[in-house]
Protein backbone atom coordinates (compact mmCIF):
# COMPACT_ATOMS: atom_id res chain seq x y z
CA MET A 1 93.20 98.21 101.86
CA GLN A 2 96.84 99.22 101.50
CA LYS A 3 99.38 97.77 103.93
CA ARG A 4 102.14 99.52 105.85
CA LYS A 5 105.15 98.31 107.83
CA LEU A 6 105.68 99.68 111.32
CA GLY A 7 109.22 100.99 111.04
CA LYS A 8 111.99 98.47 110.36
CA SER A 9 110.34 95.74 112.43
CA GLY A 10 108.74 93.95 109.50
CA LEU A 11 105.33 94.03 111.25
CA GLU A 12 102.89 94.65 108.41
CA VAL A 13 99.39 95.98 109.10
CA SER A 14 96.55 97.68 107.24
CA ALA A 15 97.23 101.40 106.60
CA LEU A 16 94.40 102.20 109.03
CA GLY A 17 93.77 100.17 112.16
CA LEU A 18 90.75 100.13 114.45
CA GLY A 19 90.91 101.54 117.98
CA CYS A 20 88.44 99.50 120.02
CA MET A 21 88.49 101.41 123.34
CA GLY A 22 85.32 103.44 122.77
CA MET A 23 83.24 100.30 122.29
CA SER A 24 83.60 99.54 126.02
CA PHE A 25 85.09 102.53 127.78
CA GLY A 26 85.75 106.27 127.76
CA PHE A 27 82.84 107.59 125.72
CA GLY A 28 79.78 106.75 127.80
CA PRO A 29 78.35 103.31 128.69
CA PRO A 30 79.68 100.18 126.93
CA LYS A 31 77.94 99.48 123.63
CA ASP A 32 76.02 96.27 122.90
CA LYS A 33 78.58 93.46 122.77
CA GLN A 34 77.13 91.57 119.79
CA GLU A 35 76.83 94.77 117.77
CA MET A 36 80.50 95.51 118.47
CA VAL A 37 81.54 91.95 117.57
CA SER A 38 79.76 92.49 114.24
CA LEU A 39 81.49 95.85 113.76
CA ILE A 40 84.96 94.37 114.36
CA ARG A 41 84.23 91.51 111.96
CA LYS A 42 82.97 94.00 109.38
CA ALA A 43 86.30 95.84 109.71
CA VAL A 44 88.12 92.57 108.94
CA GLU A 45 85.91 92.07 105.85
CA LEU A 46 86.84 95.60 104.73
CA GLY A 47 90.56 94.84 104.98
CA VAL A 48 91.50 96.07 108.48
CA THR A 49 94.15 93.79 110.01
CA PHE A 50 95.24 95.89 113.03
CA PHE A 51 93.13 96.07 116.22
CA ASP A 52 93.97 98.01 119.38
CA THR A 53 92.79 97.28 122.91
CA ALA A 54 94.10 97.35 126.52
CA GLU A 55 93.41 95.58 129.80
CA VAL A 56 92.36 98.88 131.39
CA TYR A 57 89.55 99.50 128.86
CA GLY A 58 86.54 98.48 130.89
CA PRO A 59 88.63 97.23 132.67
CA PHE A 60 88.99 93.88 130.92
CA ILE A 61 85.76 93.82 128.90
CA ASN A 62 87.31 95.38 125.79
CA GLU A 63 89.94 92.66 125.54
CA GLU A 64 87.19 90.04 125.93
CA LEU A 65 85.20 91.70 123.15
CA VAL A 66 88.20 91.86 120.79
CA GLY A 67 89.14 88.27 121.60
CA GLU A 68 85.65 86.97 120.83
CA ALA A 69 85.31 89.02 117.64
CA LEU A 70 88.68 88.03 116.19
CA ALA A 71 88.90 84.38 117.31
CA PRO A 72 87.57 83.06 113.94
CA VAL A 73 90.15 85.09 111.97
CA ARG A 74 93.00 85.15 114.48
CA ASP A 75 95.76 84.29 112.02
CA ARG A 76 94.73 87.07 109.61
CA VAL A 77 94.98 89.92 112.10
CA VAL A 78 97.41 91.78 114.38
CA ILE A 79 96.21 92.38 117.95
CA ALA A 80 97.79 95.10 120.09
CA THR A 81 97.14 95.41 123.82
CA LYS A 82 98.72 97.23 126.76
CA PHE A 83 99.89 96.81 130.36
CA GLY A 84 100.97 99.31 132.98
CA PHE A 85 98.15 100.18 135.37
CA LYS A 86 97.19 98.86 138.81
CA ILE A 87 93.64 97.68 138.36
CA ASP A 88 91.25 97.10 141.23
CA PRO A 89 88.20 95.50 139.56
CA GLY A 90 85.89 97.19 142.08
CA ALA A 91 87.26 100.70 141.54
CA ALA A 92 85.97 103.22 139.04
CA ARG A 93 89.44 104.08 137.76
CA PRO A 94 92.96 102.58 137.83
CA GLY A 95 94.92 102.91 141.07
CA GLY A 96 98.11 104.29 139.56
CA LEU A 97 100.89 102.80 137.46
CA ASP A 98 102.54 99.39 137.78
CA SER A 99 105.15 98.18 135.30
CA ARG A 100 107.08 95.86 137.61
CA PRO A 101 108.33 92.89 135.56
CA ALA A 102 106.37 90.37 137.68
CA HIS A 103 103.19 92.39 137.14
CA ILE A 104 103.78 92.62 133.36
CA LYS A 105 104.04 88.83 133.18
CA GLU A 106 100.81 88.37 135.19
CA VAL A 107 98.98 90.85 132.97
CA VAL A 108 100.11 89.08 129.82
CA GLU A 109 98.83 85.70 131.05
CA ALA A 110 95.43 87.26 131.82
CA SER A 111 95.32 89.19 128.53
CA LEU A 112 96.11 86.05 126.51
CA LYS A 113 93.09 84.30 128.10
CA ARG A 114 90.74 87.23 127.47
CA LEU A 115 91.98 87.62 123.90
CA LYS A 116 91.54 83.88 123.28
CA THR A 117 95.01 83.62 121.78
CA ASP A 118 98.46 82.15 122.43
CA ARG A 119 100.37 85.32 121.53
CA ILE A 120 100.04 89.10 121.62
CA ASP A 121 101.29 90.59 118.37
CA LEU A 122 102.16 94.01 119.80
CA LEU A 123 102.42 94.65 123.55
CA TYR A 124 102.64 98.29 124.65
CA GLN A 125 103.57 99.80 127.98
CA HIS A 126 100.47 101.98 128.39
CA ARG A 127 102.21 104.76 130.33
CA VAL A 128 105.81 105.12 131.49
CA ASP A 129 106.14 104.12 135.16
CA PRO A 130 108.60 106.48 136.92
CA ASN A 131 109.18 103.85 139.63
CA VAL A 132 110.46 101.13 137.28
CA PRO A 133 113.50 101.74 135.03
CA ILE A 134 112.46 101.38 131.39
CA GLU A 135 115.33 98.93 130.90
CA GLU A 136 113.62 96.52 133.33
CA VAL A 137 110.32 96.92 131.48
CA ALA A 138 111.99 96.25 128.12
CA GLY A 139 113.80 93.25 129.63
CA ALA A 140 110.54 91.75 130.90
CA VAL A 141 108.94 92.11 127.45
CA LYS A 142 112.09 90.65 125.86
CA ASP A 143 111.63 87.54 128.05
CA LEU A 144 108.00 87.26 126.91
CA ILE A 145 109.10 87.59 123.27
CA GLN A 146 111.66 84.81 123.77
CA GLN A 147 108.88 82.64 125.23
CA GLY A 148 106.71 83.28 122.16
CA LYS A 149 103.92 84.92 124.18
CA VAL A 150 104.58 88.35 122.65
CA LYS A 151 105.79 89.18 119.13
CA HIS A 152 106.60 92.91 119.29
CA PHE A 153 107.23 95.58 121.94
CA GLY A 154 105.63 99.02 121.93
CA LEU A 155 105.48 102.14 124.08
CA SER A 156 102.63 104.61 124.52
CA GLU A 157 103.00 108.35 125.23
CA ALA A 158 106.72 107.92 126.07
CA GLY A 159 109.31 110.67 125.70
CA ALA A 160 112.21 110.48 123.22
CA GLN A 161 114.88 109.58 125.81
CA THR A 162 112.75 106.79 127.26
CA ILE A 163 112.19 105.38 123.76
CA ARG A 164 115.95 105.38 123.11
CA ARG A 165 116.73 103.64 126.40
CA ALA A 166 114.07 100.96 125.89
CA HIS A 167 115.12 100.38 122.28
CA LYS A 168 118.68 99.46 123.36
CA VAL A 169 117.36 96.57 125.47
CA GLN A 170 114.55 95.32 123.23
CA PRO A 171 113.88 96.91 119.82
CA VAL A 172 110.69 98.97 119.96
CA THR A 173 108.37 98.23 117.03
CA ALA A 174 105.90 101.09 117.52
CA LEU A 175 105.13 104.14 119.60
CA GLN A 176 101.50 104.96 120.19
CA SER A 177 100.70 108.58 121.03
CA GLU A 178 98.13 111.21 120.21
CA TYR A 179 98.78 112.94 116.89
CA SER A 180 96.45 114.84 114.61
CA LEU A 181 96.10 118.17 112.88
CA TRP A 182 95.16 119.75 116.25
CA TRP A 183 97.91 118.02 118.31
CA ARG A 184 101.23 118.23 116.51
CA GLU A 185 103.68 118.16 119.40
CA PRO A 186 105.15 114.77 118.28
CA GLU A 187 106.66 116.52 115.25
CA THR A 188 109.24 118.29 117.44
CA GLU A 189 111.17 115.41 119.03
CA ILE A 190 109.24 112.18 118.75
CA ILE A 191 108.86 111.73 114.99
CA PRO A 192 112.55 112.53 114.26
CA ALA A 193 113.62 110.00 116.96
CA LEU A 194 111.29 107.32 115.55
CA GLU A 195 112.60 107.94 112.04
CA GLU A 196 116.21 107.66 113.21
CA LEU A 197 115.56 104.42 115.13
CA GLY A 198 113.26 102.80 112.55
CA ILE A 199 110.20 102.67 114.84
CA GLY A 200 106.62 102.89 113.56
CA PHE A 201 104.12 105.46 114.82
CA VAL A 202 100.51 104.63 115.71
CA PRO A 203 98.52 107.85 116.29
CA PHE A 204 95.51 107.46 118.55
CA SER A 205 92.70 110.05 118.55
CA PRO A 206 93.60 110.87 114.93
CA LEU A 207 90.19 112.54 114.63
CA GLY A 208 90.65 114.58 117.82
CA LYS A 209 88.32 112.33 119.89
CA GLY A 210 85.62 112.94 117.30
CA PHE A 211 86.00 116.71 117.11
CA LEU A 212 87.74 116.85 113.71
CA THR A 213 84.84 115.01 112.06
CA GLY A 214 82.65 118.12 112.44
CA ALA A 215 80.04 116.12 114.38
CA ILE A 216 80.67 118.03 117.65
CA ASN A 217 79.78 121.68 118.24
CA THR A 218 79.39 124.02 121.24
CA ASP A 219 75.91 122.62 121.96
CA THR A 220 76.90 118.94 121.93
CA GLN A 221 76.08 117.24 125.24
CA PHE A 222 78.19 114.18 126.12
CA GLU A 223 76.96 111.22 128.22
CA LYS A 224 77.82 111.81 131.87
CA THR A 225 80.48 109.06 131.90
CA ASP A 226 82.10 110.40 128.70
CA PHE A 227 85.76 111.24 129.29
CA ARG A 228 85.49 114.36 127.12
CA ASN A 229 83.48 116.08 129.89
CA ILE A 230 86.74 116.52 131.85
CA VAL A 231 89.04 117.34 128.92
CA PRO A 232 89.88 121.07 128.86
CA ARG A 233 89.97 121.10 125.06
CA PHE A 234 86.25 120.22 125.04
CA THR A 235 84.88 123.07 127.14
CA PRO A 236 82.21 124.95 125.11
CA GLU A 237 84.43 128.03 124.69
CA ASN A 238 87.41 125.92 123.53
CA ARG A 239 85.20 123.98 121.13
CA LYS A 240 84.15 127.29 119.64
CA ALA A 241 87.78 128.40 119.17
CA ASN A 242 88.88 125.00 117.83
CA GLN A 243 86.12 124.97 115.21
CA ALA A 244 88.67 126.66 112.92
CA PHE A 245 90.40 123.27 112.46
CA VAL A 246 87.13 121.65 111.38
CA ASP A 247 86.44 124.53 108.97
CA LEU A 248 89.89 124.07 107.41
CA LEU A 249 89.36 120.32 106.97
CA GLY A 250 85.89 121.01 105.56
CA ARG A 251 87.28 123.34 102.88
CA VAL A 252 89.85 120.76 101.75
CA ALA A 253 87.23 117.99 101.91
CA GLN A 254 84.97 119.92 99.57
CA GLN A 255 87.76 120.23 96.99
CA LYS A 256 88.60 116.52 97.27
CA HIS A 257 84.96 115.27 97.31
CA ALA A 258 85.64 113.74 100.73
CA THR A 259 84.63 114.31 104.36
CA ALA A 260 86.50 116.25 107.06
CA ALA A 261 87.30 112.97 108.86
CA GLN A 262 88.76 111.47 105.68
CA ILE A 263 91.00 114.50 105.13
CA ALA A 264 92.18 114.43 108.77
CA LEU A 265 93.22 110.78 108.32
CA ALA A 266 94.67 111.26 104.82
CA TRP A 267 96.78 114.12 106.22
CA LEU A 268 98.25 111.79 108.85
CA LEU A 269 98.91 109.03 106.31
CA ALA A 270 100.75 111.55 104.14
CA GLN A 271 103.18 112.54 106.91
CA LYS A 272 105.28 109.32 106.88
CA PRO A 273 104.90 105.88 105.25
CA TRP A 274 105.31 104.21 108.67
CA ILE A 275 102.42 106.03 110.36
CA VAL A 276 99.31 103.92 110.99
CA PRO A 277 96.39 105.81 112.61
CA ILE A 278 93.83 103.87 114.66
CA PRO A 279 90.54 105.80 114.55
CA GLY A 280 87.85 104.31 116.76
CA THR A 281 84.13 104.11 116.10
CA THR A 282 81.00 102.24 117.17
CA LYS A 283 79.12 102.74 113.88
CA VAL A 284 79.56 100.82 110.62
CA SER A 285 78.86 103.97 108.57
CA ARG A 286 81.73 105.80 110.33
CA LEU A 287 84.00 102.77 109.91
CA GLU A 288 83.38 102.79 106.16
CA GLU A 289 83.87 106.56 106.02
CA ASN A 290 87.19 106.35 107.90
CA LEU A 291 88.52 103.56 105.70
CA GLY A 292 87.64 105.70 102.69
CA ALA A 293 90.57 107.92 103.72
CA ALA A 294 93.21 105.34 102.77
CA PRO A 295 93.07 105.88 98.98
CA ILE A 296 92.92 109.70 99.23
CA GLU A 297 96.19 111.27 98.14
CA LEU A 298 96.98 114.81 99.17
CA THR A 299 99.44 116.46 96.79
CA PRO A 300 102.56 118.26 98.10
CA ALA A 301 100.83 121.56 97.24
CA GLU A 302 97.67 120.57 99.16
CA LEU A 303 99.77 119.53 102.16
CA ARG A 304 101.62 122.86 102.07
CA ASP A 305 98.30 124.73 101.94
CA ILE A 306 96.94 122.75 104.91
CA ASP A 307 100.11 123.43 106.90
CA ALA A 308 100.05 127.14 106.09
CA ALA A 309 96.40 127.44 107.15
CA ALA A 310 96.84 125.28 110.28
CA SER A 311 99.86 127.31 111.39
CA LYS A 312 97.55 130.31 111.82
CA ILE A 313 95.27 128.39 114.22
CA SER A 314 96.20 127.73 117.83
CA ALA A 315 94.49 124.76 119.51
CA GLN A 316 92.78 125.91 122.71
CA GLY A 317 92.70 123.82 125.90
CA ALA A 318 94.92 121.02 127.23
CA ARG A 319 94.36 117.57 125.74
CA TYR A 320 94.16 115.93 129.18
CA PRO A 321 93.08 116.94 132.68
CA GLU A 322 96.11 117.85 134.80
CA GLU A 323 96.50 114.53 136.68
CA MET A 324 96.56 112.60 133.37
CA GLN A 325 98.82 115.13 131.71
CA ARG A 326 101.50 114.28 134.28
CA MET A 327 101.63 110.70 132.93
CA VAL A 328 102.61 111.58 129.37
CA GLY A 329 105.89 112.39 127.68
CA ARG A 330 108.08 110.86 130.40
């Protein structure tokens, strides 16, 4: 597996990471813990060194899973986790945002225990908290870095101005946001700002929450607790319209003797050398398929053709329900 550096930070990770959220949260009931431990360890065997989790996934059980799975190989891997929500363990969903410095420090102590480790390699603010100046957030993480509890600071779904302000207080190693062939908004302001500042980019949902693999059609029924049931982009009529992206990927995949998922990931890898997608999966076969994207090289002509074809397709439906949409891009 090729390695990449996240911006100028010197943090080196595998070219593709593994998003672990869906093993415990978001896409139906949590999967069998021992099966997921095996999957994460299989990813390590296959060369993945970058694993993404968050306290809110579950809540808490995803960090516990990742901690257990990676404990035997802790020094060979990079673990990323996130803070920023108010979590009431009895509630079905988080009770709003909380990035007060005292709360960040409490969360980190709890995350370290669940992750069975003495340091968090990359700590992201999960969503920008409008009630806490980003300078205070960056200052709190800076303190944790000085104490050795955290190695690198990241932001998730932050706007360009917020990134700049945070970066002045504590250099930001990586921004995590959604980016894929069917969600290209980061190309306008975010990617140029990251390039200028020397910050890495970690796209989540690089396969469009599974849609770009071609495994989802208008008839697909999701589990009742699957987050995609409330995502406007996944209504049956929008799935039908968005199928054009899958067809485009399928045509390129045929030419390259690859799969649609592999082309979607190879396309992201080709955008910048400091982009590290984190596709998630709960199946070993999909893990192997996704990692097969790393060696695929799309030529400049192929990339131009993909861009020209994609520019004629307009993605239908918002990527989040309205109340979640308000939390992004601040």
